[in-house]
Amino acid sequence: MKQQHMFSNQMIAAILVPVILEQLLNSVMGTADTMMVSNVGSAAISAVSLVDSINVLVIQAFSALAAGGAIICAQYIGQKNKERANESARQVLFIITAISIVVSLICLIFQKPLLRVIFGSVEAEVMRASEIYFFYTALSFPFIAAYDAAASIFRAQDNTKGPMIISIISNVMNIVGNAIMIWGFHMGVAGAAIATLVSRIFCAVVVLIQLRKDRQPIVVRDYMKIRPNWSMIRKILGIGIPSGVENSMFQLGKLAIQSTVSTLGTAAIAAQAMTNILENLNGIAAIGVGIGLMTIVGQCMGAGRKDEAVYYIKKLCVIAEVIIIVSCLTVFALTKPVTMLGGMERVSADMCFHMVMWITIVKPFVWVLSFIPAYGLRAAGDVKFSMITSCITMWACRFCLCVFLIRVMGFGPMGVWIGMFADWTVRGIIFTWRFHSRRWLEHRVI
């Protein structure tokens, strides 16, 4: 008799749809946020773009650590070990919050030297706006980390709807706050940063309150009484650190590339900033599929159903491909209206449109295989291979090729995307081979 699948189509939809909507909403609201800031002037949008390249580096590291904890929780849930699932959740919250507080303090203390080392060649007006924006966003790091940890715990137990609702409310608060601060009080970049800080505090407080309630398998209370369980923390970090290094290297590469783009002038910086936002927008829904896949594969591996893990990776790759095609075409159609609404200068808008056109052509062919299977491999514990592969291809293609094309060949900001296309292609080939080799199924997480 054929074994019934662990997850029905309805269960998959219940996991994926809220995550996709949450990721999509975050990206849309980020676009709206940038459009508001862009009306303050080119210096403002350039400052936000430059600082966000640092912020995303830190935030992605927190997100990867939280995902590591979620994989541990999901495998214990698949194993039906509720006690260990709860203990892993407590340790995820403890270690990520502790790390985030240290990072926040470092960024606040070394704020100006850090910005000058990375963006020393930018105009004085851009640097002043960057310092203001970085101060407020660095204050928000512990709240981002707490939210990521708690949200990942909810997702590990198939509850993706709760974090989505909290995120929706938070994003609306952020946009309304931006409108009030920027247009009502004329606070410019500082207003945008304060609105973001308030919305992130709200997210963290609400999700931690929700985690205390008895209606879910994992319940965490008495946050101040949590003490480190180093054995569990080692397991969490064993998954989270390689994923964090991988994600951080991607952002570090973007940061290094941004330093190269910043030498091309304010128009190129603005064009690249908007293109980054639009490219994130056309891929964010598919990333939601990858995040949901980690929960599904994690529970399959915990239950010892490895064939199911293989099956779901294939199935969700197909879903992600459909989403990528639709997303790319939609974002391409909206590119010109968005640049107009954002008040971008003509030269920046034209550069942005040209880059988005090429992204729309290339991305559907290579993106899914370079990212989605890797989420499943990580959930099975195959994190070191993913980290090494991603770091090598990123530095070789995204960074070295990009810098060569811009500084030597004079390609302008389009050189960034040629390097990106090369990275996606090479990663896709390697991860497809790894998936079919089945070596990733040999790992033991718990």
Protein backbone atom coordinates (compact mmCIF):
# COMPACT_ATOMS: atom_id res chain seq x y z
CA MET A 1 0.00 0.00 0.00
CA LYS A 2 1.36 3.41 -1.01
CA GLN A 3 2.42 5.61 1.91
CA GLN A 4 0.37 8.78 2.26
CA HIS A 5 2.28 12.04 1.84
CA MET A 6 3.03 13.98 5.03
CA PHE A 7 1.69 17.21 3.55
CA SER A 8 -1.46 17.51 1.46
CA ASN A 9 -1.82 20.23 -1.15
CA GLN A 10 -4.03 22.14 1.29
CA MET A 11 -1.36 21.91 4.01
CA ILE A 12 1.33 23.08 1.59
CA ALA A 13 -0.84 26.02 0.55
CA ALA A 14 -1.52 26.87 4.21
CA ILE A 15 2.25 27.00 4.83
CA LEU A 16 3.35 28.73 1.61
CA VAL A 17 0.65 31.34 0.96
CA PRO A 18 1.11 33.35 4.19
CA VAL A 19 4.93 33.24 3.85
CA ILE A 20 4.75 34.37 0.21
CA LEU A 21 2.29 37.15 1.05
CA GLU A 22 4.45 38.28 3.96
CA GLN A 23 7.63 38.36 1.87
CA LEU A 24 5.83 40.08 -1.01
CA LEU A 25 4.26 42.67 1.27
CA ASN A 26 7.60 43.42 2.92
CA SER A 27 9.15 44.02 -0.49
CA VAL A 28 6.23 46.13 -1.76
CA MET A 29 6.29 48.23 1.38
CA GLY A 30 10.06 48.58 1.02
CA THR A 31 9.50 49.89 -2.50
CA ALA A 32 6.87 52.35 -1.25
CA ASP A 33 9.27 53.37 1.52
CA THR A 34 12.03 54.08 -0.98
CA MET A 35 9.65 56.02 -3.24
CA MET A 36 8.75 58.25 -0.29
CA VAL A 37 12.39 58.83 0.58
CA SER A 38 13.31 59.44 -3.08
CA ASN A 39 11.01 62.47 -3.09
CA VAL A 40 13.28 64.03 -0.45
CA GLY A 41 16.11 64.02 -3.02
CA SER A 42 18.85 61.92 -4.62
CA ALA A 43 21.10 62.31 -1.56
CA ALA A 44 18.39 60.85 0.67
CA ILE A 45 17.68 57.78 -1.47
CA SER A 46 21.40 57.22 -1.99
CA ALA A 47 21.98 57.35 1.79
CA VAL A 48 19.15 54.91 2.52
CA SER A 49 20.41 52.56 -0.20
CA LEU A 50 23.99 52.61 1.08
CA VAL A 51 23.04 52.09 4.74
CA ASP A 52 20.51 49.40 3.88
CA SER A 53 23.28 47.45 2.21
CA ILE A 54 24.89 47.24 5.68
CA ASN A 55 21.58 46.68 7.46
CA VAL A 56 20.61 43.83 5.15
CA LEU A 57 24.00 42.20 5.83
CA VAL A 58 23.21 42.15 9.55
CA ILE A 59 19.53 41.29 9.17
CA GLN A 60 20.27 38.36 6.85
CA ALA A 61 22.69 36.97 9.43
CA PHE A 62 19.95 37.13 12.09
CA SER A 63 17.47 35.56 9.70
CA ALA A 64 19.85 32.68 8.92
CA LEU A 65 20.47 32.01 12.61
CA ALA A 66 16.71 32.01 13.18
CA ALA A 67 16.27 29.63 10.25
CA GLY A 68 18.86 27.32 11.81
CA GLY A 69 16.78 27.23 14.96
CA ALA A 70 13.62 26.66 12.93
CA ILE A 71 15.18 23.62 11.24
CA ILE A 72 16.03 22.12 14.64
CA CYS A 73 12.49 22.83 15.90
CA ALA A 74 10.91 21.40 12.71
CA GLN A 75 12.94 18.18 12.92
CA TYR A 76 11.96 17.69 16.57
CA ILE A 77 8.31 18.30 15.62
CA GLY A 78 8.63 15.74 12.79
CA GLN A 79 10.05 13.39 15.41
CA LYS A 80 7.07 14.27 17.67
CA ASN A 81 9.47 15.28 20.47
CA LYS A 82 7.58 18.25 21.91
CA GLU A 83 9.86 18.74 24.91
CA ARG A 84 13.02 19.12 22.82
CA ALA A 85 11.17 21.30 20.31
CA ASN A 86 10.24 23.70 23.12
CA GLU A 87 13.76 23.72 24.53
CA SER A 88 15.26 24.45 21.09
CA ALA A 89 12.81 27.36 20.69
CA ARG A 90 13.92 28.89 24.01
CA GLN A 91 17.57 28.61 23.02
CA VAL A 92 16.95 30.15 19.59
CA LEU A 93 15.43 33.20 21.25
CA PHE A 94 18.24 33.42 23.79
CA ILE A 95 21.25 33.17 21.48
CA ILE A 96 19.93 35.35 18.62
CA THR A 97 18.82 38.13 20.96
CA ALA A 98 22.17 38.07 22.78
CA ILE A 99 24.12 38.25 19.50
CA SER A 100 21.92 41.06 18.15
CA ILE A 101 22.47 43.25 21.23
CA VAL A 102 26.24 42.93 20.85
CA VAL A 103 26.06 43.74 17.12
CA SER A 104 23.81 46.74 17.76
CA LEU A 105 26.24 48.15 20.35
CA ILE A 106 29.22 47.70 18.00
CA CYS A 107 27.39 49.48 15.16
CA LEU A 108 26.32 52.37 17.42
CA ILE A 109 29.80 52.83 18.93
CA PHE A 110 31.70 52.61 15.63
CA GLN A 111 28.98 54.16 13.47
CA LYS A 112 30.94 56.99 11.83
CA PRO A 113 34.25 55.15 11.27
CA LEU A 114 32.35 52.18 9.81
CA LEU A 115 30.46 54.32 7.32
CA ARG A 116 33.57 56.24 6.31
CA VAL A 117 35.59 53.08 5.72
CA ILE A 118 32.89 51.58 3.50
CA PHE A 119 31.51 54.69 1.76
CA GLY A 120 34.33 57.20 2.15
CA SER A 121 34.15 58.39 -1.44
CA VAL A 122 30.50 59.51 -1.41
CA GLU A 123 29.38 63.14 -1.32
CA ALA A 124 29.26 64.92 2.06
CA GLU A 125 25.47 65.36 1.93
CA VAL A 126 24.96 61.62 1.33
CA MET A 127 27.32 60.77 4.22
CA ARG A 128 25.45 63.05 6.66
CA ALA A 129 22.12 61.45 5.75
CA SER A 130 23.72 57.99 6.03
CA GLU A 131 24.88 58.67 9.60
CA ILE A 132 21.38 59.70 10.69
CA TYR A 133 19.69 56.71 9.06
CA PHE A 134 22.23 54.20 10.37
CA PHE A 135 21.89 55.40 13.97
CA TYR A 136 18.16 54.67 14.18
CA THR A 137 18.25 51.43 12.21
CA ALA A 138 21.11 50.06 14.37
CA LEU A 139 18.89 50.62 17.42
CA SER A 140 16.33 48.29 15.85
CA PHE A 141 18.63 45.26 15.42
CA PRO A 142 17.64 43.46 18.68
CA PHE A 143 13.95 43.86 17.81
CA ILE A 144 14.50 42.47 14.31
CA ALA A 145 16.37 39.50 15.76
CA ALA A 146 13.69 38.78 18.37
CA TYR A 147 10.97 38.90 15.70
CA ASP A 148 12.93 36.66 13.30
CA ALA A 149 13.55 34.09 16.03
CA ALA A 150 9.94 33.99 17.21
CA ALA A 151 8.51 34.03 13.66
CA SER A 152 10.78 31.13 12.65
CA ILE A 153 9.52 29.14 15.64
CA PHE A 154 5.93 29.69 14.50
CA ARG A 155 6.82 28.63 10.94
CA ALA A 156 8.57 25.47 12.20
CA GLN A 157 5.20 24.31 13.60
CA ASP A 158 3.32 25.11 10.35
CA ASN A 159 1.94 28.44 11.63
CA THR A 160 2.87 30.95 8.95
CA LYS A 161 -0.35 32.96 9.20
CA GLY A 162 0.47 34.56 12.58
CA PRO A 163 3.79 36.15 11.51
CA MET A 164 2.13 37.30 8.28
CA ILE A 165 -0.62 39.21 10.11
CA ILE A 166 1.89 40.85 12.45
CA SER A 167 4.06 41.79 9.47
CA ILE A 168 1.10 43.32 7.62
CA ILE A 169 0.20 45.54 10.57
CA SER A 170 3.85 46.50 11.08
CA ASN A 171 4.34 47.43 7.44
CA VAL A 172 1.22 49.57 7.39
CA MET A 173 2.49 51.30 10.55
CA ASN A 174 5.83 51.90 8.83
CA ILE A 175 4.29 53.43 5.70
CA VAL A 176 1.86 55.62 7.64
CA GLY A 177 4.70 56.65 9.94
CA ASN A 178 6.86 57.52 6.95
CA ALA A 179 4.13 59.67 5.47
CA ILE A 180 3.63 61.53 8.75
CA MET A 181 7.34 61.97 9.48
CA ILE A 182 8.48 62.84 5.94
CA TRP A 183 5.58 64.89 4.62
CA GLY A 184 3.92 66.00 7.85
CA PHE A 185 6.93 66.88 10.03
CA HIS A 186 9.45 67.23 7.13
CA MET A 187 12.00 65.08 8.99
CA GLY A 188 13.45 63.51 5.84
CA VAL A 189 15.75 60.52 6.34
CA ALA A 190 15.44 60.70 10.15
CA GLY A 191 11.66 60.46 9.87
CA ALA A 192 11.87 57.34 7.69
CA ALA A 193 14.31 55.72 10.13
CA ILE A 194 12.19 56.48 13.21
CA ALA A 195 9.07 55.05 11.56
CA THR A 196 11.02 51.87 10.76
CA LEU A 197 12.31 51.59 14.32
CA VAL A 198 8.81 51.92 15.82
CA SER A 199 7.35 49.29 13.46
CA ARG A 200 10.15 46.82 14.31
CA ILE A 201 9.60 47.29 18.05
CA PHE A 202 5.90 46.57 17.50
CA CYS A 203 6.71 43.36 15.57
CA ALA A 204 9.00 42.01 18.28
CA VAL A 205 6.65 42.78 21.18
CA VAL A 206 3.55 41.29 19.55
CA VAL A 207 5.18 38.08 18.27
CA LEU A 208 6.76 37.40 21.67
CA ILE A 209 3.36 37.85 23.34
CA GLN A 210 1.81 35.41 20.85
CA LEU A 211 4.51 32.82 21.54
CA ARG A 212 3.38 32.68 25.21
CA LYS A 213 -0.09 31.33 24.36
CA ASP A 214 -1.07 27.69 24.84
CA ARG A 215 -2.78 27.20 21.47
CA GLN A 216 0.36 25.91 19.69
CA PRO A 217 2.73 22.95 20.26
CA ILE A 218 5.67 25.23 21.13
CA VAL A 219 5.07 27.67 23.97
CA VAL A 220 7.76 29.97 25.39
CA ARG A 221 7.25 31.92 28.61
CA ASP A 222 9.41 33.53 31.29
CA TYR A 223 11.84 35.00 28.78
CA MET A 224 14.05 36.50 31.49
CA LYS A 225 14.50 33.06 33.09
CA ILE A 226 15.93 31.44 29.96
CA ARG A 227 19.47 30.20 30.54
CA PRO A 228 21.90 28.90 27.95
CA ASN A 229 21.79 25.21 27.07
CA TRP A 230 25.13 24.98 25.27
CA SER A 231 24.47 21.55 23.79
CA MET A 232 21.32 22.83 22.08
CA ILE A 233 22.95 26.12 21.14
CA ARG A 234 25.76 24.21 19.39
CA LYS A 235 23.16 22.38 17.29
CA ILE A 236 21.42 25.64 16.41
CA LEU A 237 24.66 27.41 15.55
CA GLY A 238 25.88 24.34 13.64
CA ILE A 239 23.03 24.96 11.19
CA GLY A 240 22.68 28.72 11.62
CA ILE A 241 26.31 29.85 11.34
CA PRO A 242 27.05 28.32 7.90
CA SER A 243 23.73 29.70 6.62
CA GLY A 244 24.52 33.04 8.28
CA VAL A 245 27.98 33.13 6.71
CA GLU A 246 26.44 32.32 3.34
CA ASN A 247 23.78 35.04 3.60
CA SER A 248 26.22 37.56 5.03
CA MET A 249 28.71 36.87 2.26
CA PHE A 250 26.02 37.61 -0.29
CA GLN A 251 25.31 40.92 1.39
CA LEU A 252 29.01 41.64 1.89
CA GLY A 253 29.47 41.07 -1.81
CA LYS A 254 26.65 43.51 -2.52
CA LEU A 255 28.29 45.97 -0.15
CA ALA A 256 31.62 45.64 -1.95
CA ILE A 257 29.83 46.06 -5.27
CA GLN A 258 28.01 49.10 -3.90
CA SER A 259 31.38 50.69 -3.14
CA THR A 260 32.27 50.23 -6.81
CA VAL A 261 28.91 51.58 -7.99
CA SER A 262 29.28 54.59 -5.67
CA THR A 263 32.24 55.75 -7.80
CA LEU A 264 29.93 56.07 -10.82
CA GLY A 265 28.02 59.06 -9.38
CA THR A 266 24.68 59.77 -7.73
CA ALA A 267 22.61 58.93 -10.84
CA ALA A 268 24.11 55.42 -11.06
CA ILE A 269 23.72 54.88 -7.30
CA ALA A 270 20.03 55.83 -7.50
CA ALA A 271 19.48 53.61 -10.58
CA GLN A 272 21.18 50.65 -8.94
CA ALA A 273 19.24 51.20 -5.70
CA MET A 274 15.88 51.12 -7.48
CA THR A 275 16.92 48.15 -9.63
CA ASN A 276 17.91 46.22 -6.49
CA ILE A 277 14.50 46.90 -4.99
CA LEU A 278 12.65 45.82 -8.14
CA GLU A 279 14.78 42.68 -8.51
CA ASN A 280 14.10 41.78 -4.90
CA LEU A 281 10.41 42.35 -5.56
CA ASN A 282 10.30 39.95 -8.51
CA GLY A 283 12.04 37.21 -6.53
CA ILE A 284 10.61 37.67 -3.06
CA ALA A 285 7.52 35.48 -3.54
CA ALA A 286 9.69 32.58 -4.71
CA ILE A 287 11.94 33.08 -1.67
CA GLY A 288 8.79 32.61 0.40
CA VAL A 289 8.46 29.18 -1.26
CA GLY A 290 12.03 28.40 -0.14
CA ILE A 291 11.32 29.48 3.44
CA GLY A 292 8.21 27.28 3.53
CA LEU A 293 10.20 24.41 2.02
CA MET A 294 12.57 24.43 5.01
CA THR A 295 9.68 23.65 7.36
CA ILE A 296 8.39 20.87 5.11
CA VAL A 297 11.78 19.21 4.51
CA GLY A 298 12.77 19.66 8.16
CA GLN A 299 9.69 17.78 9.37
CA CYS A 300 10.16 15.08 6.72
CA MET A 301 13.77 14.52 7.79
CA GLY A 302 12.80 14.48 11.47
CA ALA A 303 10.20 11.80 10.70
CA GLY A 304 12.79 9.78 8.74
CA ARG A 305 10.88 10.16 5.45
CA LYS A 306 13.73 11.06 3.11
CA ASP A 307 11.90 10.19 -0.12
CA GLU A 308 9.23 12.70 0.89
CA ALA A 309 11.92 15.39 1.27
CA VAL A 310 13.10 14.72 -2.31
CA TYR A 311 9.53 14.80 -3.60
CA TYR A 312 8.67 18.13 -1.97
CA ILE A 313 11.84 19.86 -3.18
CA LYS A 314 10.94 18.92 -6.77
CA LYS A 315 7.32 19.96 -6.31
CA LEU A 316 8.12 23.33 -4.77
CA CYS A 317 10.74 24.09 -7.45
CA VAL A 318 7.93 23.86 -10.04
CA ILE A 319 5.74 26.17 -7.97
CA ALA A 320 8.63 28.64 -7.55
CA GLU A 321 9.31 28.67 -11.32
CA VAL A 322 5.72 29.64 -12.11
CA ILE A 323 5.88 32.38 -9.49
CA ILE A 324 9.19 33.74 -10.85
CA ILE A 325 7.84 34.00 -14.41
CA VAL A 326 4.70 35.84 -13.29
CA SER A 327 6.63 38.09 -10.89
CA CYS A 328 9.28 39.07 -13.43
CA LEU A 329 6.72 40.02 -16.06
CA THR A 330 4.65 41.99 -13.53
CA VAL A 331 7.62 43.93 -12.17
CA PHE A 332 8.89 44.70 -15.68
CA ALA A 333 5.48 46.13 -16.60
CA LEU A 334 5.55 48.31 -13.47
CA THR A 335 9.15 49.55 -13.78
CA LYS A 336 8.48 52.77 -15.69
CA PRO A 337 5.47 53.79 -13.57
CA VAL A 338 7.46 53.11 -10.38
CA THR A 339 10.43 55.22 -11.50
CA MET A 340 8.04 58.04 -12.44
CA LEU A 341 6.17 57.88 -9.13
CA GLY A 342 9.49 57.75 -7.32
CA GLY A 343 10.47 61.06 -8.90
CA MET A 344 13.69 59.62 -10.33
CA GLU A 345 15.76 61.71 -12.68
CA ARG A 346 15.50 60.69 -16.35
CA VAL A 347 19.03 59.30 -16.66
CA SER A 348 18.61 57.15 -13.52
CA ALA A 349 15.18 55.93 -14.65
CA ASP A 350 16.51 54.89 -18.09
CA MET A 351 19.43 52.96 -16.55
CA CYS A 352 17.02 51.24 -14.16
CA PHE A 353 14.65 50.20 -16.96
CA HIS A 354 17.50 48.75 -19.05
CA MET A 355 18.77 46.64 -16.13
CA VAL A 356 15.30 45.39 -15.15
CA MET A 357 14.66 44.36 -18.78
CA TRP A 358 17.70 42.05 -18.77
CA ILE A 359 16.79 40.65 -15.33
CA THR A 360 13.32 39.79 -16.70
CA ILE A 361 14.88 37.91 -19.61
CA VAL A 362 17.51 35.94 -17.68
CA LYS A 363 16.03 35.27 -14.23
CA PRO A 364 13.30 32.75 -15.18
CA PHE A 365 15.92 30.48 -16.80
CA VAL A 366 18.43 30.16 -13.96
CA TRP A 367 17.21 31.58 -10.63
CA VAL A 368 15.02 28.77 -9.24
CA LEU A 369 17.63 25.99 -9.47
CA SER A 370 20.27 28.27 -7.92
CA PHE A 371 18.19 28.96 -4.80
CA ILE A 372 15.17 26.75 -4.07
CA PRO A 373 16.86 23.30 -3.83
CA ALA A 374 19.44 24.88 -1.49
CA TYR A 375 16.70 25.69 1.04
CA GLY A 376 15.77 22.01 1.15
CA LEU A 377 19.40 20.92 1.44
CA ARG A 378 19.91 23.26 4.41
CA ALA A 379 16.80 21.88 6.12
CA ALA A 380 18.36 18.42 5.84
CA GLY A 381 21.55 19.70 7.49
CA ASP A 382 23.68 20.06 4.33
CA VAL A 383 24.68 23.61 5.23
CA LYS A 384 28.45 23.56 4.74
CA PHE A 385 28.27 22.52 1.09
CA SER A 386 25.73 25.27 0.42
CA MET A 387 27.89 27.83 2.23
CA ILE A 388 31.13 26.92 0.42
CA THR A 389 29.48 26.79 -3.01
CA SER A 390 27.62 30.06 -2.57
CA CYS A 391 30.66 31.93 -1.22
CA ILE A 392 32.93 30.78 -4.06
CA THR A 393 30.47 31.59 -6.84
CA MET A 394 29.52 34.89 -5.24
CA TRP A 395 33.07 36.22 -4.94
CA ALA A 396 34.15 34.84 -8.32
CA CYS A 397 31.11 35.96 -10.32
CA ARG A 398 29.21 38.65 -8.43
CA PHE A 399 32.24 40.49 -7.13
CA CYS A 400 35.36 39.84 -9.23
CA LEU A 401 33.57 39.71 -12.58
CA CYS A 402 31.42 42.70 -11.64
CA VAL A 403 34.39 44.87 -10.58
CA PHE A 404 36.29 43.89 -13.75
CA LEU A 405 33.33 44.80 -15.98
CA ILE A 406 32.75 48.15 -14.26
CA ARG A 407 36.27 49.36 -13.52
CA VAL A 408 38.14 47.86 -16.50
CA MET A 409 35.56 47.38 -19.24
CA GLY A 410 33.44 50.44 -18.40
CA PHE A 411 30.10 48.59 -18.37
CA GLY A 412 28.55 50.89 -15.74
CA PRO A 413 25.97 49.49 -13.28
CA MET A 414 24.91 46.82 -15.84
CA GLY A 415 28.16 45.04 -14.94
CA VAL A 416 26.63 44.22 -11.56
CA TRP A 417 23.85 42.22 -13.19
CA ILE A 418 26.06 40.38 -15.67
CA GLY A 419 28.06 39.15 -12.67
CA MET A 420 24.80 38.22 -10.93
CA PHE A 421 23.58 36.23 -13.96
CA ALA A 422 26.86 34.31 -14.04
CA ASP A 423 26.53 33.53 -10.32
CA TRP A 424 22.97 32.26 -10.67
CA THR A 425 23.94 30.02 -13.60
CA VAL A 426 26.95 28.40 -11.92
CA ARG A 427 25.08 27.93 -8.61
CA GLY A 428 22.13 26.36 -10.42
CA ILE A 429 24.36 23.77 -12.10
CA ILE A 430 26.16 22.87 -8.86
CA PHE A 431 23.04 22.64 -6.67
CA THR A 432 21.21 20.55 -9.29
CA TRP A 433 24.11 18.08 -9.26
CA ARG A 434 24.16 18.03 -5.45
CA PHE A 435 20.42 17.42 -5.23
CA HIS A 436 20.53 14.47 -7.64
CA SER A 437 23.58 12.98 -5.89
CA ARG A 438 21.42 12.48 -2.75
CA ARG A 439 24.47 13.06 -0.52
CA TRP A 440 22.55 15.75 1.34
CA LEU A 441 20.24 13.05 2.70
CA GLU A 442 23.10 11.52 4.70
CA HIS A 443 23.29 14.37 7.24
CA ARG A 444 22.03 14.01 10.82
CA VAL A 445 20.89 17.17 12.61
CA ILE A 446 19.23 15.83 15.79
